[in-house]
């Protein structure tokens, strides 16, 4: 049997004002047999609308843009795999997102990339509460 391991790290940081967040992240995947991949991601999220204060603090609307870069770190072939710009928005508990994956390998140049459309609904957001150091609740569904 093959064993796979994924290591993920990221953060959420205020940019200029608290309603704009930067969310960089990195994902490393390996199967311990020479098949390795590195994903580097960056997302900017802008919160707008009325501030909602209940068990958590969040805003009624949000818009985000992001970039992802994937590269293989295989033992015999280190090469870029894809570049993916994306954007999306949330209104209340409904989310919409779009991603366009641009392949960077010689085989992937024969097609025009792939599209991903996502529609989501947030159920029970109260379960995602992080009581921070000063007892200020924060809604954390970003990753």
Protein backbone atom coordinates (compact mmCIF):
# COMPACT_ATOMS: atom_id res chain seq x y z
CA UNK A 1 0.00 0.00 0.00
CA UNK A 2 1.10 3.54 -0.78
CA UNK A 3 1.24 6.17 1.92
CA UNK A 4 0.46 9.79 1.05
CA UNK A 5 1.18 12.86 3.14
CA UNK A 6 -0.12 16.43 2.78
CA UNK A 7 1.35 19.33 4.76
CA UNK A 8 -0.64 22.57 4.67
CA UNK A 9 0.17 25.93 6.22
CA UNK A 10 -1.43 29.34 5.86
CA UNK A 11 -2.56 32.45 7.63
CA UNK A 12 -5.04 35.32 7.64
CA UNK A 13 -3.62 38.85 7.86
CA UNK A 14 -5.14 42.34 7.90
CA UNK A 15 -4.16 44.47 4.90
CA UNK A 16 -4.44 48.25 5.44
CA UNK A 17 -7.84 47.99 7.18
CA UNK A 18 -9.44 45.08 9.08
CA UNK A 19 -12.04 44.57 6.33
CA UNK A 20 -9.36 43.49 3.82
CA UNK A 21 -7.61 40.19 4.53
CA UNK A 22 -4.64 38.52 2.84
CA UNK A 23 -4.61 34.72 2.99
CA UNK A 24 -1.38 33.11 1.79
CA UNK A 25 -1.04 29.34 2.01
CA UNK A 26 1.27 26.52 0.95
CA UNK A 27 0.49 22.84 0.39
CA UNK A 28 3.13 20.13 -0.02
CA UNK A 29 2.03 16.66 -1.19
CA UNK A 30 4.17 13.53 -1.32
CA UNK A 31 3.84 9.76 -1.62
CA UNK A 32 7.43 9.10 -0.39
CA UNK A 33 8.31 7.46 -3.75
CA UNK A 34 9.46 10.54 -5.65
CA UNK A 35 6.03 11.98 -6.53
CA UNK A 36 5.99 15.39 -4.85
CA UNK A 37 3.99 18.53 -5.56
CA UNK A 38 4.03 22.07 -4.17
CA UNK A 39 0.99 24.40 -4.31
CA UNK A 40 1.41 28.11 -3.47
CA UNK A 41 -1.80 30.10 -3.02
CA UNK A 42 -2.66 33.75 -2.29
CA UNK A 43 -6.12 35.15 -1.75
CA UNK A 44 -7.32 38.70 -1.01
CA UNK A 45 -10.73 38.99 0.59
CA UNK A 46 -12.75 42.20 1.01
CA UNK A 47 -15.58 42.21 3.54
CA UNK A 48 -18.48 44.62 3.09
CA UNK A 49 -22.02 45.18 4.19
CA UNK A 50 -23.41 45.31 7.66
CA UNK A 51 -21.36 43.85 10.49
CA UNK A 52 -23.18 40.90 11.99
CA UNK A 53 -22.61 40.37 15.72
CA UNK A 54 -24.05 37.24 17.20
CA UNK A 55 -22.01 34.34 18.49
CA UNK A 56 -19.39 35.34 15.88
CA UNK A 57 -18.38 38.52 14.07
CA UNK A 58 -18.57 38.61 10.30
CA UNK A 59 -19.91 40.73 7.49
CA UNK A 60 -22.94 40.06 5.34
CA UNK A 61 -21.02 40.23 2.03
CA UNK A 62 -17.52 39.41 0.82
CA UNK A 63 -15.58 39.44 -2.45
CA UNK A 64 -12.30 37.65 -3.08
CA UNK A 65 -9.66 37.16 -5.75
CA UNK A 66 -6.91 34.57 -5.68
CA UNK A 67 -3.96 33.03 -7.47
CA UNK A 68 -2.64 29.49 -7.26
CA UNK A 69 0.57 28.02 -8.64
CA UNK A 70 1.30 24.28 -8.76
CA UNK A 71 4.69 22.74 -9.40
CA UNK A 72 5.88 19.17 -9.43
CA UNK A 73 8.96 18.37 -7.37
CA UNK A 74 9.39 14.86 -8.75
CA UNK A 75 12.79 13.31 -8.44
CA UNK A 76 13.41 13.24 -12.20
CA UNK A 77 11.14 16.07 -13.39
CA UNK A 78 10.87 19.44 -11.66
CA UNK A 79 8.41 21.46 -13.74
CA UNK A 80 5.50 23.88 -13.37
CA UNK A 81 2.07 22.24 -13.60
CA UNK A 82 -0.52 25.02 -13.60
CA UNK A 83 -1.41 28.60 -12.79
CA UNK A 84 -4.96 29.36 -11.63
CA UNK A 85 -6.56 32.78 -11.18
CA UNK A 86 -9.89 32.79 -9.34
CA UNK A 87 -12.53 35.08 -7.94
CA UNK A 88 -15.74 34.78 -5.98
CA UNK A 89 -18.23 36.42 -3.69
CA UNK A 90 -20.60 35.63 -0.85
CA UNK A 91 -23.94 37.22 -0.11
CA UNK A 92 -25.30 36.12 3.24
CA UNK A 93 -24.92 32.36 3.47
CA UNK A 94 -24.63 31.74 -0.31
CA UNK A 95 -21.21 31.66 -1.99
CA UNK A 96 -20.17 31.67 -5.65
CA UNK A 97 -16.71 31.06 -7.06
CA UNK A 98 -14.95 30.71 -10.41
CA UNK A 99 -11.47 29.33 -11.14
CA UNK A 100 -9.67 29.03 -14.46
CA UNK A 101 -6.84 26.48 -14.48
CA UNK A 102 -4.12 27.22 -17.05
CA UNK A 103 -1.97 24.14 -17.65
CA UNK A 104 1.77 24.75 -18.05
CA UNK A 105 2.97 21.34 -19.26
CA UNK A 106 3.60 20.57 -22.94
CA UNK A 107 0.59 18.24 -23.08
CA UNK A 108 -1.73 20.80 -21.47
CA UNK A 109 -0.86 23.44 -24.09
CA UNK A 110 -3.08 21.54 -26.55
CA UNK A 111 -6.27 22.62 -24.80
CA UNK A 112 -7.45 25.95 -23.44
CA UNK A 113 -7.43 25.08 -19.74
CA UNK A 114 -10.28 24.06 -17.50
CA UNK A 115 -13.01 25.99 -15.73
CA UNK A 116 -14.38 25.39 -12.26
CA UNK A 117 -17.61 26.92 -11.02
CA UNK A 118 -18.69 26.50 -7.41
CA UNK A 119 -21.88 27.39 -5.59
CA UNK A 120 -22.03 26.91 -1.84
CA UNK A 121 -24.32 27.27 1.14
CA UNK A 122 -22.96 27.79 4.66
CA UNK A 123 -24.72 25.61 7.21
CA UNK A 124 -24.43 26.23 10.95
CA UNK A 125 -21.69 28.91 10.84
CA UNK A 126 -21.80 29.23 14.66
CA UNK A 127 -19.74 26.04 14.93
CA UNK A 128 -16.70 27.82 13.41
CA UNK A 129 -15.90 30.18 16.27
CA UNK A 130 -12.40 30.99 17.48
CA UNK A 131 -12.46 32.87 20.79
CA UNK A 132 -9.32 34.95 20.49
CA UNK A 133 -7.05 36.27 23.23
CA UNK A 134 -9.34 39.17 24.17
CA UNK A 135 -12.56 37.12 24.03
CA UNK A 136 -13.55 38.56 20.67
CA UNK A 137 -15.29 35.91 18.57
CA UNK A 138 -14.09 35.58 14.99
CA UNK A 139 -15.72 33.70 12.12
CA UNK A 140 -13.08 31.46 10.49
CA UNK A 141 -14.22 29.52 7.43
CA UNK A 142 -11.43 30.82 5.19
CA UNK A 143 -9.58 27.57 4.58
